[in-house]
Amino acid sequence: MEVPQNNEGLVQEANRSPMVHTPNILPVRVVFHGHHPDIKQKEENGGKLAHLPDSIKDLLILAEKKLGKRGTTVLMADGSQVEDINALRDNDHLYIF
């Protein structure tokens, strides 16, 4: 095998190599709150920490178990509505009501 004399050959080789995407090893964790983000409600524990499930439907079921009440809407702290579970990131605060 011929070794390139400059970095150009290495860059070209790297560009030909397929990208390998590895899945996240650690599960995404989110914090549930049972009220609208605009309502400043004192929570004893600051919310309920949970692993992010695979769907919005499962997220609502899990939130109901954690919070003790049913919700139909999921908002971020800035008030934006969550429509895609894959848009959520680790340590996001979700407001479910």
PDB file of N, CA and C in Angstrom:
ATOM      1  N   MET A   1       0.843  -1.180   0.000  1.00  0.00           N
ATOM      2  CA  MET A   1       0.000   0.000   0.000  1.00  0.00           C
ATOM      3  C   MET A   1       0.884   1.237   0.000  1.00  0.00           C
ATOM      4  N   GLU A   2       0.557   2.176  -0.859  1.00  0.00           N
ATOM      5  CA  GLU A   2       1.346   3.390  -0.979  1.00  0.00           C
ATOM      6  C   GLU A   2       0.884   4.409   0.051  1.00  0.00           C
ATOM      7  N   VAL A   3       1.823   5.005   0.764  1.00  0.00           N
ATOM      8  CA  VAL A   3       1.520   6.008   1.782  1.00  0.00           C
ATOM      9  C   VAL A   3       1.591   7.382   1.126  1.00  0.00           C
ATOM     10  N   PRO A   4       0.521   8.206   1.263  1.00  0.00           N
ATOM     11  CA  PRO A   4       0.551   9.537   0.648  1.00  0.00           C
ATOM     12  C   PRO A   4       1.656  10.394   1.262  1.00  0.00           C
ATOM     13  N   GLN A   5       2.243  11.258   0.439  1.00  0.00           N
ATOM     14  CA  GLN A   5       3.322  12.118   0.875  1.00  0.00           C
ATOM     15  C   GLN A   5       2.820  13.402   1.542  1.00  0.00           C
ATOM     16  N   ASN A   6       1.525  13.687   1.394  1.00  0.00           N
ATOM     17  CA  ASN A   6       0.974  14.891   2.007  1.00  0.00           C
ATOM     18  C   ASN A   6      -0.410  14.564   2.584  1.00  0.00           C
ATOM     19  N   ASN A   7      -1.013  15.517   3.230  1.00  0.00           N
ATOM     20  CA  ASN A   7      -2.313  15.307   3.861  1.00  0.00           C
ATOM     21  C   ASN A   7      -3.448  15.198   2.860  1.00  0.00           C
ATOM     22  N   GLU A   8      -3.239  15.629   1.624  1.00  0.00           N
ATOM     23  CA  GLU A   8      -4.301  15.594   0.633  1.00  0.00           C
ATOM     24  C   GLU A   8      -4.802  14.171   0.417  1.00  0.00           C
ATOM     25  N   GLY A   9      -3.899  13.233   0.342  1.00  0.00           N
ATOM     26  CA  GLY A   9      -4.296  11.832   0.161  1.00  0.00           C
ATOM     27  C   GLY A   9      -5.100  11.316   1.338  1.00  0.00           C
ATOM     28  N   LEU A  10      -4.730  11.711   2.553  1.00  0.00           N
ATOM     29  CA  LEU A  10      -5.474  11.298   3.744  1.00  0.00           C
ATOM     30  C   LEU A  10      -6.879  11.875   3.751  1.00  0.00           C
ATOM     31  N   VAL A  11      -7.005  13.135   3.346  1.00  0.00           N
ATOM     32  CA  VAL A  11      -8.321  13.781   3.289  1.00  0.00           C
ATOM     33  C   VAL A  11      -9.190  13.088   2.266  1.00  0.00           C
ATOM     34  N   GLN A  12      -8.616  12.769   1.097  1.00  0.00           N
ATOM     35  CA  GLN A  12      -9.386  12.076   0.065  1.00  0.00           C
ATOM     36  C   GLN A  12      -9.836  10.713   0.564  1.00  0.00           C
ATOM     37  N   GLU A  13      -8.989  10.001   1.270  1.00  0.00           N
ATOM     38  CA  GLU A  13      -9.343   8.690   1.813  1.00  0.00           C
ATOM     39  C   GLU A  13     -10.467   8.823   2.837  1.00  0.00           C
ATOM     40  N   ALA A  14     -10.376   9.831   3.693  1.00  0.00           N
ATOM     41  CA  ALA A  14     -11.413  10.050   4.706  1.00  0.00           C
ATOM     42  C   ALA A  14     -12.747  10.368   4.050  1.00  0.00           C
ATOM     43  N   ASN A  15     -12.725  11.107   2.951  1.00  0.00           N
ATOM     44  CA  ASN A  15     -13.966  11.448   2.262  1.00  0.00           C
ATOM     45  C   ASN A  15     -14.610  10.240   1.605  1.00  0.00           C
ATOM     46  N   ARG A  16     -13.843   9.223   1.254  1.00  0.00           N
ATOM     47  CA  ARG A  16     -14.393   8.012   0.633  1.00  0.00           C
ATOM     48  C   ARG A  16     -14.942   7.040   1.668  1.00  0.00           C
ATOM     49  N   SER A  17     -14.481   7.148   2.902  1.00  0.00           N
ATOM     50  CA  SER A  17     -14.930   6.219   3.935  1.00  0.00           C
ATOM     51  C   SER A  17     -16.368   6.527   4.316  1.00  0.00           C
ATOM     52  N   PRO A  18     -17.211   5.504   4.437  1.00  0.00           N
ATOM     53  CA  PRO A  18     -18.600   5.763   4.827  1.00  0.00           C
ATOM     54  C   PRO A  18     -18.675   6.238   6.275  1.00  0.00           C
ATOM     55  N   MET A  19     -19.622   7.102   6.541  1.00  0.00           N
ATOM     56  CA  MET A  19     -19.843   7.579   7.905  1.00  0.00           C
ATOM     57  C   MET A  19     -20.563   6.491   8.684  1.00  0.00           C
ATOM     58  N   VAL A  20     -20.120   6.249   9.868  1.00  0.00           N
ATOM     59  CA  VAL A  20     -20.766   5.275  10.737  1.00  0.00           C
ATOM     60  C   VAL A  20     -21.402   6.033  11.886  1.00  0.00           C
ATOM     61  N   HIS A  21     -22.726   5.949  11.994  1.00  0.00           N
ATOM     62  CA  HIS A  21     -23.439   6.617  13.074  1.00  0.00           C
ATOM     63  C   HIS A  21     -23.699   5.613  14.176  1.00  0.00           C
ATOM     64  N   THR A  22     -23.270   5.951  15.365  1.00  0.00           N
ATOM     65  CA  THR A  22     -23.525   5.068  16.498  1.00  0.00           C
ATOM     66  C   THR A  22     -24.678   5.648  17.308  1.00  0.00           C
ATOM     67  N   PRO A  23     -25.575   4.811  17.767  1.00  0.00           N
ATOM     68  CA  PRO A  23     -26.694   5.307  18.561  1.00  0.00           C
ATOM     69  C   PRO A  23     -26.208   5.800  19.920  1.00  0.00           C
ATOM     70  N   ASN A  24     -27.007   6.671  20.526  1.00  0.00           N
ATOM     71  CA  ASN A  24     -26.671   7.133  21.868  1.00  0.00           C
ATOM     72  C   ASN A  24     -26.631   5.953  22.807  1.00  0.00           C
ATOM     73  N   ILE A  25     -25.604   5.878  23.591  1.00  0.00           N
ATOM     74  CA  ILE A  25     -25.475   4.784  24.537  1.00  0.00           C
ATOM     75  C   ILE A  25     -26.357   5.031  25.749  1.00  0.00           C
ATOM     76  N   LEU A  26     -26.404   6.267  26.210  1.00  0.00           N
ATOM     77  CA  LEU A  26     -27.214   6.600  27.373  1.00  0.00           C
ATOM     78  C   LEU A  26     -28.599   7.055  26.932  1.00  0.00           C
ATOM     79  N   PRO A  27     -29.643   6.651  27.654  1.00  0.00           N
ATOM     80  CA  PRO A  27     -30.992   7.087  27.280  1.00  0.00           C
ATOM     81  C   PRO A  27     -31.176   8.572  27.601  1.00  0.00           C
ATOM     82  N   VAL A  28     -32.056   9.214  26.843  1.00  0.00           N
ATOM     83  CA  VAL A  28     -32.367  10.619  27.064  1.00  0.00           C
ATOM     84  C   VAL A  28     -33.285  10.732  28.276  1.00  0.00           C
ATOM     85  N   ARG A  29     -32.947  11.646  29.183  1.00  0.00           N
ATOM     86  CA  ARG A  29     -33.769  11.879  30.375  1.00  0.00           C
ATOM     87  C   ARG A  29     -34.440  13.238  30.250  1.00  0.00           C
ATOM     88  N   VAL A  30     -35.696  13.311  30.664  1.00  0.00           N
ATOM     89  CA  VAL A  30     -36.442  14.566  30.648  1.00  0.00           C
ATOM     90  C   VAL A  30     -37.081  14.782  32.015  1.00  0.00           C
ATOM     91  N   VAL A  31     -37.486  16.017  32.269  1.00  0.00           N
ATOM     92  CA  VAL A  31     -38.134  16.361  33.528  1.00  0.00           C
ATOM     93  C   VAL A  31     -39.575  16.760  33.238  1.00  0.00           C
ATOM     94  N   PHE A  32     -40.536  16.078  33.892  1.00  0.00           N
ATOM     95  CA  PHE A  32     -41.959  16.361  33.728  1.00  0.00           C
ATOM     96  C   PHE A  32     -42.420  17.385  34.759  1.00  0.00           C
ATOM     97  N   HIS A  33     -43.270  18.302  34.303  1.00  0.00           N
ATOM     98  CA  HIS A  33     -43.956  19.246  35.183  1.00  0.00           C
ATOM     99  C   HIS A  33     -45.438  19.167  34.831  1.00  0.00           C
ATOM    100  N   GLY A  34     -46.297  19.246  35.807  1.00  0.00           N
ATOM    101  CA  GLY A  34     -47.728  19.080  35.580  1.00  0.00           C
ATOM    102  C   GLY A  34     -48.508  20.370  35.462  1.00  0.00           C
ATOM    103  N   HIS A  35     -47.901  21.401  34.908  1.00  0.00           N
ATOM    104  CA  HIS A  35     -48.588  22.681  34.756  1.00  0.00           C
ATOM    105  C   HIS A  35     -48.033  23.418  33.547  1.00  0.00           C
ATOM    106  N   HIS A  36     -48.698  24.495  33.142  1.00  0.00           N
ATOM    107  CA  HIS A  36     -48.253  25.325  32.020  1.00  0.00           C
ATOM    108  C   HIS A  36     -46.963  26.043  32.417  1.00  0.00           C
ATOM    109  N   PRO A  37     -46.007  26.212  31.485  1.00  0.00           N
ATOM    110  CA  PRO A  37     -44.738  26.855  31.852  1.00  0.00           C
ATOM    111  C   PRO A  37     -44.888  28.311  32.298  1.00  0.00           C
ATOM    112  N   ASP A  38     -45.963  28.988  31.905  1.00  0.00           N
ATOM    113  CA  ASP A  38     -46.167  30.389  32.312  1.00  0.00           C
ATOM    114  C   ASP A  38     -46.674  30.510  33.741  1.00  0.00           C
ATOM    115  N   ILE A  39     -47.173  29.410  34.295  1.00  0.00           N
ATOM    116  CA  ILE A  39     -47.680  29.426  35.663  1.00  0.00           C
ATOM    117  C   ILE A  39     -46.523  29.094  36.592  1.00  0.00           C
ATOM    118  N   LYS A  40     -46.182  30.028  37.422  1.00  0.00           N
ATOM    119  CA  LYS A  40     -45.086  29.809  38.378  1.00  0.00           C
ATOM    120  C   LYS A  40     -45.652  29.056  39.578  1.00  0.00           C
ATOM    121  N   GLN A  41     -45.549  27.762  39.515  1.00  0.00           N
ATOM    122  CA  GLN A  41     -46.094  26.893  40.560  1.00  0.00           C
ATOM    123  C   GLN A  41     -44.934  26.295  41.345  1.00  0.00           C
ATOM    124  N   LYS A  42     -45.010  26.384  42.648  1.00  0.00           N
ATOM    125  CA  LYS A  42     -43.948  25.813  43.480  1.00  0.00           C
ATOM    126  C   LYS A  42     -44.096  24.293  43.502  1.00  0.00           C
ATOM    127  N   GLU A  43     -43.037  23.625  43.113  1.00  0.00           N
ATOM    128  CA  GLU A  43     -43.009  22.168  43.133  1.00  0.00           C
ATOM    129  C   GLU A  43     -42.052  21.724  44.227  1.00  0.00           C
ATOM    130  N   GLU A  44     -42.485  20.776  45.021  1.00  0.00           N
ATOM    131  CA  GLU A  44     -41.647  20.292  46.118  1.00  0.00           C
ATOM    132  C   GLU A  44     -40.329  19.726  45.621  1.00  0.00           C
ATOM    133  N   ASN A  45     -40.374  19.004  44.511  1.00  0.00           N
ATOM    134  CA  ASN A  45     -39.191  18.289  44.055  1.00  0.00           C
ATOM    135  C   ASN A  45     -38.609  18.829  42.757  1.00  0.00           C
ATOM    136  N   GLY A  46     -39.177  19.894  42.191  1.00  0.00           N
ATOM    137  CA  GLY A  46     -38.651  20.449  40.949  1.00  0.00           C
ATOM    138  C   GLY A  46     -39.024  19.682  39.707  1.00  0.00           C
ATOM    139  N   GLY A  47     -39.969  18.767  39.781  1.00  0.00           N
ATOM    140  CA  GLY A  47     -40.399  17.977  38.634  1.00  0.00           C
ATOM    141  C   GLY A  47     -40.094  16.501  38.829  1.00  0.00           C
ATOM    142  N   LYS A  48     -40.450  15.720  37.839  1.00  0.00           N
ATOM    143  CA  LYS A  48     -40.241  14.271  37.877  1.00  0.00           C
ATOM    144  C   LYS A  48     -39.314  13.865  36.735  1.00  0.00           C
ATOM    145  N   LEU A  49     -38.177  13.292  37.072  1.00  0.00           N
ATOM    146  CA  LEU A  49     -37.187  12.859  36.093  1.00  0.00           C
ATOM    147  C   LEU A  49     -37.567  11.487  35.558  1.00  0.00           C
ATOM    148  N   ALA A  50     -37.503  11.320  34.228  1.00  0.00           N
ATOM    149  CA  ALA A  50     -37.842  10.031  33.608  1.00  0.00           C
ATOM    150  C   ALA A  50     -37.054   9.863  32.314  1.00  0.00           C
ATOM    151  N   HIS A  51     -36.902   8.620  31.880  1.00  0.00           N
ATOM    152  CA  HIS A  51     -36.306   8.341  30.577  1.00  0.00           C
ATOM    153  C   HIS A  51     -37.334   8.628  29.496  1.00  0.00           C
ATOM    154  N   LEU A  52     -36.897   9.192  28.401  1.00  0.00           N
ATOM    155  CA  LEU A  52     -37.771   9.551  27.298  1.00  0.00           C
ATOM    156  C   LEU A  52     -38.269   8.289  26.595  1.00  0.00           C
ATOM    157  N   PRO A  53     -39.594   8.102  26.502  1.00  0.00           N
ATOM    158  CA  PRO A  53     -40.122   6.939  25.788  1.00  0.00           C
ATOM    159  C   PRO A  53     -40.025   7.129  24.265  1.00  0.00           C
ATOM    160  N   ASP A  54     -40.568   6.162  23.519  1.00  0.00           N
ATOM    161  CA  ASP A  54     -40.420   6.154  22.066  1.00  0.00           C
ATOM    162  C   ASP A  54     -41.447   6.975  21.302  1.00  0.00           C
ATOM    163  N   SER A  55     -42.517   7.430  21.956  1.00  0.00           N
ATOM    164  CA  SER A  55     -43.559   8.169  21.245  1.00  0.00           C
ATOM    165  C   SER A  55     -44.205   9.200  22.164  1.00  0.00           C
ATOM    166  N   ILE A  56     -44.895  10.153  21.558  1.00  0.00           N
ATOM    167  CA  ILE A  56     -45.631  11.157  22.330  1.00  0.00           C
ATOM    168  C   ILE A  56     -46.726  10.469  23.145  1.00  0.00           C
ATOM    169  N   LYS A  57     -47.379   9.487  22.553  1.00  0.00           N
ATOM    170  CA  LYS A  57     -48.436   8.753  23.263  1.00  0.00           C
ATOM    171  C   LYS A  57     -47.871   8.106  24.526  1.00  0.00           C
ATOM    172  N   ASP A  58     -46.727   7.428  24.409  1.00  0.00           N
ATOM    173  CA  ASP A  58     -46.094   6.794  25.564  1.00  0.00           C
ATOM    174  C   ASP A  58     -45.610   7.837  26.568  1.00  0.00           C
ATOM    175  N   LEU A  59     -45.181   8.999  26.069  1.00  0.00           N
ATOM    176  CA  LEU A  59     -44.748  10.075  26.951  1.00  0.00           C
ATOM    177  C   LEU A  59     -45.926  10.548  27.808  1.00  0.00           C
ATOM    178  N   LEU A  60     -47.111  10.708  27.199  1.00  0.00           N
ATOM    179  CA  LEU A  60     -48.293  11.144  27.948  1.00  0.00           C
ATOM    180  C   LEU A  60     -48.725  10.098  28.974  1.00  0.00           C
ATOM    181  N   ILE A  61     -48.623   8.824  28.620  1.00  0.00           N
ATOM    182  CA  ILE A  61     -48.961   7.744  29.559  1.00  0.00           C
ATOM    183  C   ILE A  61     -47.993   7.750  30.743  1.00  0.00           C
ATOM    184  N   LEU A  62     -46.702   7.874  30.462  1.00  0.00           N
ATOM    185  CA  LEU A  62     -45.694   7.904  31.518  1.00  0.00           C
ATOM    186  C   LEU A  62     -45.871   9.136  32.408  1.00  0.00           C
ATOM    187  N   ALA A  63     -46.140  10.277  31.803  1.00  0.00           N
ATOM    188  CA  ALA A  63     -46.350  11.505  32.570  1.00  0.00           C
ATOM    189  C   ALA A  63     -47.562  11.373  33.487  1.00  0.00           C
ATOM    190  N   GLU A  64     -48.617  10.711  33.012  1.00  0.00           N
ATOM    191  CA  GLU A  64     -49.799  10.501  33.850  1.00  0.00           C
ATOM    192  C   GLU A  64     -49.444   9.656  35.074  1.00  0.00           C
ATOM    193  N   LYS A  65     -48.624   8.634  34.873  1.00  0.00           N
ATOM    194  CA  LYS A  65     -48.196   7.801  36.000  1.00  0.00           C
ATOM    195  C   LYS A  65     -47.328   8.595  36.970  1.00  0.00           C
ATOM    196  N   LYS A  66     -46.428   9.416  36.440  1.00  0.00           N
ATOM    197  CA  LYS A  66     -45.503  10.172  37.289  1.00  0.00           C
ATOM    198  C   LYS A  66     -46.191  11.324  38.022  1.00  0.00           C
ATOM    199  N   LEU A  67     -47.106  12.012  37.323  1.00  0.00           N
ATOM    200  CA  LEU A  67     -47.709  13.217  37.872  1.00  0.00           C
ATOM    201  C   LEU A  67     -49.053  12.988  38.546  1.00  0.00           C
ATOM    202  N   GLY A  68     -49.677  11.841  38.249  1.00  0.00           N
ATOM    203  CA  GLY A  68     -50.967  11.543  38.862  1.00  0.00           C
ATOM    204  C   GLY A  68     -52.144  12.237  38.217  1.00  0.00           C
ATOM    205  N   LYS A  69     -51.952  12.800  37.040  1.00  0.00           N
ATOM    206  CA  LYS A  69     -53.066  13.407  36.314  1.00  0.00           C
ATOM    207  C   LYS A  69     -52.814  13.295  34.813  1.00  0.00           C
ATOM    208  N   ARG A  70     -53.910  13.245  34.068  1.00  0.00           N
ATOM    209  CA  ARG A  70     -53.837  13.051  32.622  1.00  0.00           C
ATOM    210  C   ARG A  70     -53.563  14.377  31.924  1.00  0.00           C
ATOM    211  N   GLY A  71     -52.719  14.326  30.915  1.00  0.00           N
ATOM    212  CA  GLY A  71     -52.436  15.500  30.104  1.00  0.00           C
ATOM    213  C   GLY A  71     -52.614  15.188  28.635  1.00  0.00           C
ATOM    214  N   THR A  72     -52.829  16.221  27.844  1.00  0.00           N
ATOM    215  CA  THR A  72     -52.988  16.039  26.400  1.00  0.00           C
ATOM    216  C   THR A  72     -52.033  16.931  25.607  1.00  0.00           C
ATOM    217  N   THR A  73     -51.382  17.863  26.299  1.00  0.00           N
ATOM    218  CA  THR A  73     -50.503  18.824  25.640  1.00  0.00           C
ATOM    219  C   THR A  73     -49.124  18.773  26.284  1.00  0.00           C
ATOM    220  N   VAL A  74     -48.091  18.814  25.440  1.00  0.00           N
ATOM    221  CA  VAL A  74     -46.706  18.819  25.919  1.00  0.00           C
ATOM    222  C   VAL A  74     -46.028  20.083  25.384  1.00  0.00           C
ATOM    223  N   LEU A  75     -45.562  20.917  26.304  1.00  0.00           N
ATOM    224  CA  LEU A  75     -44.866  22.145  25.930  1.00  0.00           C
ATOM    225  C   LEU A  75     -43.445  22.133  26.486  1.00  0.00           C
ATOM    226  N   MET A  76     -42.576  22.883  25.810  1.00  0.00           N
ATOM    227  CA  MET A  76     -41.224  23.132  26.306  1.00  0.00           C
ATOM    228  C   MET A  76     -41.290  24.334  27.239  1.00  0.00           C
ATOM    229  N   ALA A  77     -40.207  24.638  27.932  1.00  0.00           N
ATOM    230  CA  ALA A  77     -40.163  25.755  28.867  1.00  0.00           C
ATOM    231  C   ALA A  77     -40.441  27.094  28.180  1.00  0.00           C
ATOM    232  N   ASP A  78     -40.098  27.212  26.893  1.00  0.00           N
ATOM    233  CA  ASP A  78     -40.336  28.460  26.166  1.00  0.00           C
ATOM    234  C   ASP A  78     -41.753  28.567  25.612  1.00  0.00           C
ATOM    235  N   GLY A  79     -42.581  27.534  25.869  1.00  0.00           N
ATOM    236  CA  GLY A  79     -43.967  27.547  25.410  1.00  0.00           C
ATOM    237  C   GLY A  79     -44.202  26.866  24.078  1.00  0.00           C
ATOM    238  N   SER A  80     -43.162  26.404  23.408  1.00  0.00           N
ATOM    239  CA  SER A  80     -43.345  25.722  22.124  1.00  0.00           C
ATOM    240  C   SER A  80     -43.908  24.327  22.342  1.00  0.00           C
ATOM    241  N   GLN A  81     -44.819  23.923  21.458  1.00  0.00           N
ATOM    242  CA  GLN A  81     -45.470  22.628  21.596  1.00  0.00           C
ATOM    243  C   GLN A  81     -44.595  21.525  20.999  1.00  0.00           C
ATOM    244  N   VAL A  82     -44.493  20.417  21.720  1.00  0.00           N
ATOM    245  CA  VAL A  82     -43.703  19.274  21.263  1.00  0.00           C
ATOM    246  C   VAL A  82     -44.575  18.429  20.341  1.00  0.00           C
ATOM    247  N   GLU A  83     -44.135  18.265  19.093  1.00  0.00           N
ATOM    248  CA  GLU A  83     -44.859  17.450  18.121  1.00  0.00           C
ATOM    249  C   GLU A  83     -44.052  16.234  17.674  1.00  0.00           C
ATOM    250  N   ASP A  84     -42.731  16.276  17.902  1.00  0.00           N
ATOM    251  CA  ASP A  84     -41.847  15.192  17.473  1.00  0.00           C
ATOM    252  C   ASP A  84     -40.967  14.782  18.646  1.00  0.00           C
ATOM    253  N   ILE A  85     -41.101  13.549  19.073  1.00  0.00           N
ATOM    254  CA  ILE A  85     -40.350  13.034  20.227  1.00  0.00           C
ATOM    255  C   ILE A  85     -38.841  13.090  19.970  1.00  0.00           C
ATOM    256  N   ASN A  86     -38.435  12.984  18.705  1.00  0.00           N
ATOM    257  CA  ASN A  86     -37.010  12.989  18.361  1.00  0.00           C
ATOM    258  C   ASN A  86     -36.378  14.374  18.467  1.00  0.00           C
ATOM    259  N   ALA A  87     -37.193  15.416  18.627  1.00  0.00           N
ATOM    260  CA  ALA A  87     -36.668  16.767  18.779  1.00  0.00           C
ATOM    261  C   ALA A  87     -36.223  17.044  20.213  1.00  0.00           C
ATOM    262  N   LEU A  88     -36.579  16.169  21.136  1.00  0.00           N
ATOM    263  CA  LEU A  88     -36.245  16.377  22.547  1.00  0.00           C
ATOM    264  C   LEU A  88     -34.815  15.956  22.834  1.00  0.00           C
ATOM    265  N   ARG A  89     -34.214  16.640  23.789  1.00  0.00           N
ATOM    266  CA  ARG A  89     -32.831  16.384  24.165  1.00  0.00           C
ATOM    267  C   ARG A  89     -32.741  16.090  25.657  1.00  0.00           C
ATOM    268  N   ASP A  90     -31.592  15.595  26.071  1.00  0.00           N
ATOM    269  CA  ASP A  90     -31.351  15.257  27.466  1.00  0.00           C
ATOM    270  C   ASP A  90     -31.574  16.478  28.357  1.00  0.00           C
ATOM    271  N   ASN A  91     -32.255  16.273  29.456  1.00  0.00           N
ATOM    272  CA  ASN A  91     -32.546  17.288  30.473  1.00  0.00           C
ATOM    273  C   ASN A  91     -33.535  18.364  30.033  1.00  0.00           C
ATOM    274  N   ASP A  92     -34.308  18.123  28.965  1.00  0.00           N
ATOM    275  CA  ASP A  92     -35.377  19.051  28.603  1.00  0.00           C
ATOM    276  C   ASP A  92     -36.458  19.020  29.691  1.00  0.00           C
ATOM    277  N   HIS A  93     -37.038  20.189  29.962  1.00  0.00           N
ATOM    278  CA  HIS A  93     -38.150  20.288  30.905  1.00  0.00           C
ATOM    279  C   HIS A  93     -39.433  20.328  30.089  1.00  0.00           C
ATOM    280  N   LEU A  94     -40.315  19.363  30.344  1.00  0.00           N
ATOM    281  CA  LEU A  94     -41.573  19.238  29.606  1.00  0.00           C
ATOM    282  C   LEU A  94     -42.736  19.573  30.533  1.00  0.00           C
ATOM    283  N   TYR A  95     -43.617  20.405  30.036  1.00  0.00           N
ATOM    284  CA  TYR A  95     -44.794  20.839  30.793  1.00  0.00           C
ATOM    285  C   TYR A  95     -46.008  20.149  30.190  1.00  0.00           C
ATOM    286  N   ILE A  96     -46.637  19.283  30.979  1.00  0.00           N
ATOM    287  CA  ILE A  96     -47.711  18.436  30.488  1.00  0.00           C
ATOM    288  C   ILE A  96     -48.969  18.782  31.254  1.00  0.00           C
ATOM    289  N   PHE A  97     -50.020  19.120  30.523  1.00  0.00           N
ATOM    290  CA  PHE A  97     -51.286  19.482  31.160  1.00  0.00           C
ATOM    291  C   PHE A  97     -52.429  19.128  30.257  1.00  0.00           C
TER     292      PHE A  97
END
